[in-house]
């Protein structure tokens, strides 16, 4: 018996409406994710390419550097 059949068998034995509704929500959410493909805008694509170029050229910060920069930024506010 495959996983799909096992799931169907178990679901058929569930009587609790709340549990069934939760399962339906999960299934619907999964189906929505499969159908929905996000299309990047030109601006988003350009930002990604710019970020990749920054990485190639070493324009990056460590996590510690980012914390220091962020702390300084908050102090100025």
PDB file of N, CA and C in Angstrom:
ATOM      1  N   UNK A   1       0.861  -1.179   0.000  1.00  0.00           N
ATOM      2  CA  UNK A   1       0.000   0.000   0.000  1.00  0.00           C
ATOM      3  C   UNK A   1       0.904   1.239   0.000  1.00  0.00           C
ATOM      4  N   UNK A   2       0.634   2.141  -0.930  1.00  0.00           N
ATOM      5  CA  UNK A   2       1.419   3.364  -1.032  1.00  0.00           C
ATOM      6  C   UNK A   2       1.012   4.396   0.000  1.00  0.00           C
ATOM      7  N   UNK A   3       1.810   5.434   0.092  1.00  0.00           N
ATOM      8  CA  UNK A   3       1.561   6.487   1.093  1.00  0.00           C
ATOM      9  C   UNK A   3       0.214   7.170   0.866  1.00  0.00           C
ATOM     10  N   UNK A   4      -0.141   7.387  -0.392  1.00  0.00           N
ATOM     11  CA  UNK A   4      -1.410   8.049  -0.684  1.00  0.00           C
ATOM     12  C   UNK A   4      -2.585   7.206  -0.187  1.00  0.00           C
ATOM     13  N   UNK A   5      -2.506   5.919  -0.423  1.00  0.00           N
ATOM     14  CA  UNK A   5      -3.568   5.020   0.023  1.00  0.00           C
ATOM     15  C   UNK A   5      -3.649   4.968   1.544  1.00  0.00           C
ATOM     16  N   UNK A   6      -2.486   4.980   2.200  1.00  0.00           N
ATOM     17  CA  UNK A   6      -2.464   4.970   3.667  1.00  0.00           C
ATOM     18  C   UNK A   6      -3.123   6.228   4.224  1.00  0.00           C
ATOM     19  N   UNK A   7      -2.818   7.355   3.597  1.00  0.00           N
ATOM     20  CA  UNK A   7      -3.411   8.626   4.045  1.00  0.00           C
ATOM     21  C   UNK A   7      -4.921   8.596   3.846  1.00  0.00           C
ATOM     22  N   UNK A   8      -5.353   8.160   2.687  1.00  0.00           N
ATOM     23  CA  UNK A   8      -6.792   8.093   2.396  1.00  0.00           C
ATOM     24  C   UNK A   8      -7.500   7.199   3.404  1.00  0.00           C
ATOM     25  N   UNK A   9      -6.914   6.053   3.700  1.00  0.00           N
ATOM     26  CA  UNK A   9      -7.515   5.127   4.662  1.00  0.00           C
ATOM     27  C   UNK A   9      -7.655   5.777   6.036  1.00  0.00           C
ATOM     28  N   UNK A  10      -6.611   6.463   6.484  1.00  0.00           N
ATOM     29  CA  UNK A  10      -6.661   7.098   7.799  1.00  0.00           C
ATOM     30  C   UNK A  10      -7.674   8.230   7.827  1.00  0.00           C
ATOM     31  N   UNK A  11      -7.718   9.031   6.757  1.00  0.00           N
ATOM     32  CA  UNK A  11      -8.661  10.157   6.691  1.00  0.00           C
ATOM     33  C   UNK A  11     -10.094   9.649   6.710  1.00  0.00           C
ATOM     34  N   UNK A  12     -10.351   8.538   6.064  1.00  0.00           N
ATOM     35  CA  UNK A  12     -11.703   7.980   6.033  1.00  0.00           C
ATOM     36  C   UNK A  12     -12.184   7.578   7.424  1.00  0.00           C
ATOM     37  N   UNK A  13     -11.263   7.340   8.328  1.00  0.00           N
ATOM     38  CA  UNK A  13     -11.630   6.936   9.688  1.00  0.00           C
ATOM     39  C   UNK A  13     -11.720   8.108  10.663  1.00  0.00           C
ATOM     40  N   UNK A  14     -11.415   9.307  10.216  1.00  0.00           N
ATOM     41  CA  UNK A  14     -11.479  10.480  11.094  1.00  0.00           C
ATOM     42  C   UNK A  14     -12.918  10.979  11.146  1.00  0.00           C
ATOM     43  N   UNK A  15     -13.426  11.155  12.352  1.00  0.00           N
ATOM     44  CA  UNK A  15     -14.793  11.647  12.540  1.00  0.00           C
ATOM     45  C   UNK A  15     -14.828  13.112  12.965  1.00  0.00           C
ATOM     46  N   UNK A  16     -13.750  13.589  13.552  1.00  0.00           N
ATOM     47  CA  UNK A  16     -13.700  14.946  14.087  1.00  0.00           C
ATOM     48  C   UNK A  16     -13.682  15.980  12.954  1.00  0.00           C
ATOM     49  N   UNK A  17     -14.708  16.825  12.899  1.00  0.00           N
ATOM     50  CA  UNK A  17     -14.845  17.826  11.837  1.00  0.00           C
ATOM     51  C   UNK A  17     -13.704  18.841  11.846  1.00  0.00           C
ATOM     52  N   UNK A  18     -13.259  19.251  13.042  1.00  0.00           N
ATOM     53  CA  UNK A  18     -12.161  20.217  13.125  1.00  0.00           C
ATOM     54  C   UNK A  18     -10.886  19.661  12.510  1.00  0.00           C
ATOM     55  N   UNK A  19     -10.594  18.421  12.822  1.00  0.00           N
ATOM     56  CA  UNK A  19      -9.409  17.778  12.260  1.00  0.00           C
ATOM     57  C   UNK A  19      -9.515  17.693  10.744  1.00  0.00           C
ATOM     58  N   UNK A  20     -10.686  17.329  10.248  1.00  0.00           N
ATOM     59  CA  UNK A  20     -10.883  17.241   8.802  1.00  0.00           C
ATOM     60  C   UNK A  20     -10.743  18.607   8.134  1.00  0.00           C
ATOM     61  N   UNK A  21     -11.259  19.639   8.797  1.00  0.00           N
ATOM     62  CA  UNK A  21     -11.123  20.985   8.234  1.00  0.00           C
ATOM     63  C   UNK A  21      -9.663  21.413   8.178  1.00  0.00           C
ATOM     64  N   UNK A  22      -8.894  21.102   9.231  1.00  0.00           N
ATOM     65  CA  UNK A  22      -7.460  21.423   9.234  1.00  0.00           C
ATOM     66  C   UNK A  22      -6.730  20.689   8.115  1.00  0.00           C
ATOM     67  N   UNK A  23      -7.058  19.438   7.935  1.00  0.00           N
ATOM     68  CA  UNK A  23      -6.444  18.672   6.848  1.00  0.00           C
ATOM     69  C   UNK A  23      -6.776  19.286   5.493  1.00  0.00           C
ATOM     70  N   UNK A  24      -8.009  19.695   5.316  1.00  0.00           N
ATOM     71  CA  UNK A  24      -8.419  20.309   4.061  1.00  0.00           C
ATOM     72  C   UNK A  24      -7.659  21.619   3.820  1.00  0.00           C
ATOM     73  N   UNK A  25      -7.477  22.397   4.870  1.00  0.00           N
ATOM     74  CA  UNK A  25      -6.713  23.643   4.747  1.00  0.00           C
ATOM     75  C   UNK A  25      -5.273  23.360   4.308  1.00  0.00           C
ATOM     76  N   UNK A  26      -4.676  22.345   4.902  1.00  0.00           N
ATOM     77  CA  UNK A  26      -3.305  21.979   4.545  1.00  0.00           C
ATOM     78  C   UNK A  26      -3.229  21.547   3.083  1.00  0.00           C
ATOM     79  N   UNK A  27      -4.163  20.710   2.678  1.00  0.00           N
ATOM     80  CA  UNK A  27      -4.179  20.225   1.292  1.00  0.00           C
ATOM     81  C   UNK A  27      -4.395  21.381   0.325  1.00  0.00           C
ATOM     82  N   UNK A  28      -5.339  22.260   0.636  1.00  0.00           N
ATOM     83  CA  UNK A  28      -5.595  23.408  -0.239  1.00  0.00           C
ATOM     84  C   UNK A  28      -4.392  24.327  -0.324  1.00  0.00           C
ATOM     85  N   UNK A  29      -3.722  24.547   0.788  1.00  0.00           N
ATOM     86  CA  UNK A  29      -2.537  25.400   0.792  1.00  0.00           C
ATOM     87  C   UNK A  29      -1.445  24.791  -0.084  1.00  0.00           C
ATOM     88  N   UNK A  30      -1.271  23.495   0.005  1.00  0.00           N
ATOM     89  CA  UNK A  30      -0.269  22.805  -0.813  1.00  0.00           C
ATOM     90  C   UNK A  30      -0.611  22.911  -2.297  1.00  0.00           C
ATOM     91  N   UNK A  31      -1.877  22.737  -2.630  1.00  0.00           N
ATOM     92  CA  UNK A  31      -2.285  22.837  -4.029  1.00  0.00           C
ATOM     93  C   UNK A  31      -2.113  24.250  -4.553  1.00  0.00           C
ATOM     94  N   UNK A  32      -2.406  25.243  -3.713  1.00  0.00           N
ATOM     95  CA  UNK A  32      -2.228  26.636  -4.110  1.00  0.00           C
ATOM     96  C   UNK A  32      -0.759  26.929  -4.394  1.00  0.00           C
ATOM     97  N   UNK A  33       0.148  26.370  -3.574  1.00  0.00           N
ATOM     98  CA  UNK A  33       1.573  26.587  -3.777  1.00  0.00           C
ATOM     99  C   UNK A  33       2.042  25.987  -5.089  1.00  0.00           C
ATOM    100  N   UNK A  34       1.513  24.835  -5.440  1.00  0.00           N
ATOM    101  CA  UNK A  34       1.915  24.179  -6.674  1.00  0.00           C
ATOM    102  C   UNK A  34       1.454  24.961  -7.896  1.00  0.00           C
ATOM    103  N   UNK A  35       0.310  25.586  -7.806  1.00  0.00           N
ATOM    104  CA  UNK A  35      -0.253  26.293  -8.947  1.00  0.00           C
ATOM    105  C   UNK A  35       0.317  27.696  -9.098  1.00  0.00           C
ATOM    106  N   UNK A  36       0.729  28.303  -8.008  1.00  0.00           N
ATOM    107  CA  UNK A  36       1.136  29.689  -8.022  1.00  0.00           C
ATOM    108  C   UNK A  36       2.635  29.816  -8.258  1.00  0.00           C
ATOM    109  N   UNK A  37       2.994  30.451  -9.362  1.00  0.00           N
ATOM    110  CA  UNK A  37       4.396  30.701  -9.667  1.00  0.00           C
ATOM    111  C   UNK A  37       4.599  32.200  -9.669  1.00  0.00           C
ATOM    112  N   UNK A  38       5.471  32.662  -8.782  1.00  0.00           N
ATOM    113  CA  UNK A  38       5.711  34.092  -8.671  1.00  0.00           C
ATOM    114  C   UNK A  38       6.614  34.553  -9.804  1.00  0.00           C
ATOM    115  N   UNK A  39       6.210  35.581 -10.484  1.00  0.00           N
ATOM    116  CA  UNK A  39       7.003  36.156 -11.567  1.00  0.00           C
ATOM    117  C   UNK A  39       7.724  37.396 -11.050  1.00  0.00           C
ATOM    118  N   UNK A  40       9.040  37.394 -11.161  1.00  0.00           N
ATOM    119  CA  UNK A  40       9.819  38.540 -10.718  1.00  0.00           C
ATOM    120  C   UNK A  40       9.611  39.716 -11.661  1.00  0.00           C
ATOM    121  N   UNK A  41       9.561  40.901 -11.068  1.00  0.00           N
ATOM    122  CA  UNK A  41       9.494  42.107 -11.890  1.00  0.00           C
ATOM    123  C   UNK A  41      10.899  42.404 -12.416  1.00  0.00           C
ATOM    124  N   UNK A  42      10.993  43.297 -13.374  1.00  0.00           N
ATOM    125  CA  UNK A  42      12.307  43.689 -13.908  1.00  0.00           C
ATOM    126  C   UNK A  42      13.170  44.289 -12.798  1.00  0.00           C
ATOM    127  N   UNK A  43      12.551  45.074 -11.927  1.00  0.00           N
ATOM    128  CA  UNK A  43      13.273  45.693 -10.823  1.00  0.00           C
ATOM    129  C   UNK A  43      13.829  44.635  -9.872  1.00  0.00           C
ATOM    130  N   UNK A  44      13.020  43.618  -9.576  1.00  0.00           N
ATOM    131  CA  UNK A  44      13.467  42.544  -8.694  1.00  0.00           C
ATOM    132  C   UNK A  44      14.622  41.760  -9.324  1.00  0.00           C
ATOM    133  N   UNK A  45      14.504  41.486 -10.616  1.00  0.00           N
ATOM    134  CA  UNK A  45      15.583  40.779 -11.322  1.00  0.00           C
ATOM    135  C   UNK A  45      16.867  41.594 -11.284  1.00  0.00           C
ATOM    136  N   UNK A  46      16.728  42.897 -11.540  1.00  0.00           N
ATOM    137  CA  UNK A  46      17.901  43.776 -11.542  1.00  0.00           C
ATOM    138  C   UNK A  46      18.549  43.793 -10.161  1.00  0.00           C
ATOM    139  N   UNK A  47      17.742  43.819  -9.105  1.00  0.00           N
ATOM    140  CA  UNK A  47      18.277  43.821  -7.742  1.00  0.00           C
ATOM    141  C   UNK A  47      19.032  42.531  -7.442  1.00  0.00           C
ATOM    142  N   UNK A  48      18.501  41.411  -7.905  1.00  0.00           N
ATOM    143  CA  UNK A  48      19.161  40.123  -7.685  1.00  0.00           C
ATOM    144  C   UNK A  48      20.495  40.092  -8.429  1.00  0.00           C
ATOM    145  N   UNK A  49      20.487  40.535  -9.678  1.00  0.00           N
ATOM    146  CA  UNK A  49      21.723  40.553 -10.456  1.00  0.00           C
ATOM    147  C   UNK A  49      22.758  41.478  -9.827  1.00  0.00           C
ATOM    148  N   UNK A  50      22.300  42.616  -9.312  1.00  0.00           N
ATOM    149  CA  UNK A  50      23.202  43.551  -8.635  1.00  0.00           C
ATOM    150  C   UNK A  50      23.803  42.905  -7.387  1.00  0.00           C
ATOM    151  N   UNK A  51      22.985  42.203  -6.625  1.00  0.00           N
ATOM    152  CA  UNK A  51      23.475  41.516  -5.439  1.00  0.00           C
ATOM    153  C   UNK A  51      24.487  40.435  -5.781  1.00  0.00           C
ATOM    154  N   UNK A  52      24.226  39.684  -6.852  1.00  0.00           N
ATOM    155  CA  UNK A  52      25.174  38.658  -7.285  1.00  0.00           C
ATOM    156  C   UNK A  52      26.505  39.282  -7.701  1.00  0.00           C
ATOM    157  N   UNK A  53      26.426  40.435  -8.372  1.00  0.00           N
ATOM    158  CA  UNK A  53      27.646  41.124  -8.774  1.00  0.00           C
ATOM    159  C   UNK A  53      28.409  41.635  -7.547  1.00  0.00           C
ATOM    160  N   UNK A  54      27.675  42.138  -6.559  1.00  0.00           N
ATOM    161  CA  UNK A  54      28.309  42.581  -5.309  1.00  0.00           C
ATOM    162  C   UNK A  54      29.073  41.430  -4.664  1.00  0.00           C
ATOM    163  N   UNK A  55      28.484  40.256  -4.643  1.00  0.00           N
ATOM    164  CA  UNK A  55      29.135  39.088  -4.047  1.00  0.00           C
ATOM    165  C   UNK A  55      30.408  38.760  -4.824  1.00  0.00           C
ATOM    166  N   UNK A  56      30.318  38.718  -6.155  1.00  0.00           N
ATOM    167  CA  UNK A  56      31.487  38.416  -6.983  1.00  0.00           C
ATOM    168  C   UNK A  56      32.627  39.388  -6.742  1.00  0.00           C
ATOM    169  N   UNK A  57      32.284  40.654  -6.500  1.00  0.00           N
ATOM    170  CA  UNK A  57      33.299  41.701  -6.337  1.00  0.00           C
ATOM    171  C   UNK A  57      33.665  41.942  -4.878  1.00  0.00           C
ATOM    172  N   UNK A  58      33.154  41.077  -3.997  1.00  0.00           N
ATOM    173  CA  UNK A  58      33.550  41.149  -2.591  1.00  0.00           C
ATOM    174  C   UNK A  58      32.898  42.255  -1.792  1.00  0.00           C
ATOM    175  N   UNK A  59      31.846  42.836  -2.313  1.00  0.00           N
ATOM    176  CA  UNK A  59      31.144  43.898  -1.574  1.00  0.00           C
ATOM    177  C   UNK A  59      30.108  43.260  -0.657  1.00  0.00           C
ATOM    178  N   UNK A  60      30.612  42.634   0.397  1.00  0.00           N
ATOM    179  CA  UNK A  60      29.753  41.949   1.368  1.00  0.00           C
ATOM    180  C   UNK A  60      30.205  42.298   2.776  1.00  0.00           C
ATOM    181  N   UNK A  61      29.389  41.950   3.762  1.00  0.00           N
ATOM    182  CA  UNK A  61      29.698  42.167   5.171  1.00  0.00           C
ATOM    183  C   UNK A  61      29.469  40.869   5.920  1.00  0.00           C
ATOM    184  N   UNK A  62      30.251  40.671   6.967  1.00  0.00           N
ATOM    185  CA  UNK A  62      30.014  39.540   7.858  1.00  0.00           C
ATOM    186  C   UNK A  62      28.804  39.866   8.721  1.00  0.00           C
ATOM    187  N   UNK A  63      28.279  38.852   9.387  1.00  0.00           N
ATOM    188  CA  UNK A  63      27.141  39.074  10.279  1.00  0.00           C
ATOM    189  C   UNK A  63      27.524  40.051  11.389  1.00  0.00           C
ATOM    190  N   UNK A  64      28.738  39.928  11.884  1.00  0.00           N
ATOM    191  CA  UNK A  64      29.204  40.834  12.950  1.00  0.00           C
ATOM    192  C   UNK A  64      29.267  42.279  12.445  1.00  0.00           C
ATOM    193  N   UNK A  65      29.746  42.468  11.224  1.00  0.00           N
ATOM    194  CA  UNK A  65      29.804  43.819  10.651  1.00  0.00           C
ATOM    195  C   UNK A  65      28.401  44.397  10.481  1.00  0.00           C
ATOM    196  N   UNK A  66      27.489  43.571  10.059  1.00  0.00           N
ATOM    197  CA  UNK A  66      26.099  44.022   9.879  1.00  0.00           C
ATOM    198  C   UNK A  66      25.509  44.442  11.217  1.00  0.00           C
ATOM    199  N   UNK A  67      25.777  43.673  12.267  1.00  0.00           N
ATOM    200  CA  UNK A  67      25.281  44.058  13.603  1.00  0.00           C
ATOM    201  C   UNK A  67      25.821  45.418  14.022  1.00  0.00           C
ATOM    202  N   UNK A  68      27.122  45.644  13.795  1.00  0.00           N
ATOM    203  CA  UNK A  68      27.723  46.926  14.163  1.00  0.00           C
ATOM    204  C   UNK A  68      27.102  48.069  13.361  1.00  0.00           C
ATOM    205  N   UNK A  69      26.935  47.860  12.070  1.00  0.00           N
ATOM    206  CA  UNK A  69      26.328  48.881  11.215  1.00  0.00           C
ATOM    207  C   UNK A  69      24.901  49.178  11.677  1.00  0.00           C
ATOM    208  N   UNK A  70      24.159  48.130  11.972  1.00  0.00           N
ATOM    209  CA  UNK A  70      22.780  48.285  12.426  1.00  0.00           C
ATOM    210  C   UNK A  70      22.717  48.998  13.770  1.00  0.00           C
ATOM    211  N   UNK A  71      23.586  48.610  14.684  1.00  0.00           N
ATOM    212  CA  UNK A  71      23.630  49.269  16.002  1.00  0.00           C
ATOM    213  C   UNK A  71      23.912  50.753  15.852  1.00  0.00           C
ATOM    214  N   UNK A  72      24.862  51.108  15.020  1.00  0.00           N
ATOM    215  CA  UNK A  72      25.198  52.512  14.797  1.00  0.00           C
ATOM    216  C   UNK A  72      24.014  53.267  14.176  1.00  0.00           C
ATOM    217  N   UNK A  73      23.337  52.615  13.271  1.00  0.00           N
ATOM    218  CA  UNK A  73      22.194  53.234  12.611  1.00  0.00           C
ATOM    219  C   UNK A  73      21.102  53.527  13.634  1.00  0.00           C
ATOM    220  N   UNK A  74      20.844  52.569  14.550  1.00  0.00           N
ATOM    221  CA  UNK A  74      19.811  52.771  15.568  1.00  0.00           C
ATOM    222  C   UNK A  74      20.208  53.858  16.554  1.00  0.00           C
ATOM    223  N   UNK A  75      21.482  53.973  16.874  1.00  0.00           N
ATOM    224  CA  UNK A  75      21.938  55.011  17.792  1.00  0.00           C
ATOM    225  C   UNK A  75      21.713  56.406  17.240  1.00  0.00           C
ATOM    226  N   UNK A  76      21.799  56.550  15.941  1.00  0.00           N
ATOM    227  CA  UNK A  76      21.630  57.854  15.290  1.00  0.00           C
ATOM    228  C   UNK A  76      20.173  58.277  15.189  1.00  0.00           C
ATOM    229  N   UNK A  77      19.251  57.348  15.375  1.00  0.00           N
ATOM    230  CA  UNK A  77      17.842  57.663  15.228  1.00  0.00           C
ATOM    231  C   UNK A  77      17.296  58.304  16.446  1.00  0.00           C
TER     232      UNK A  77
END
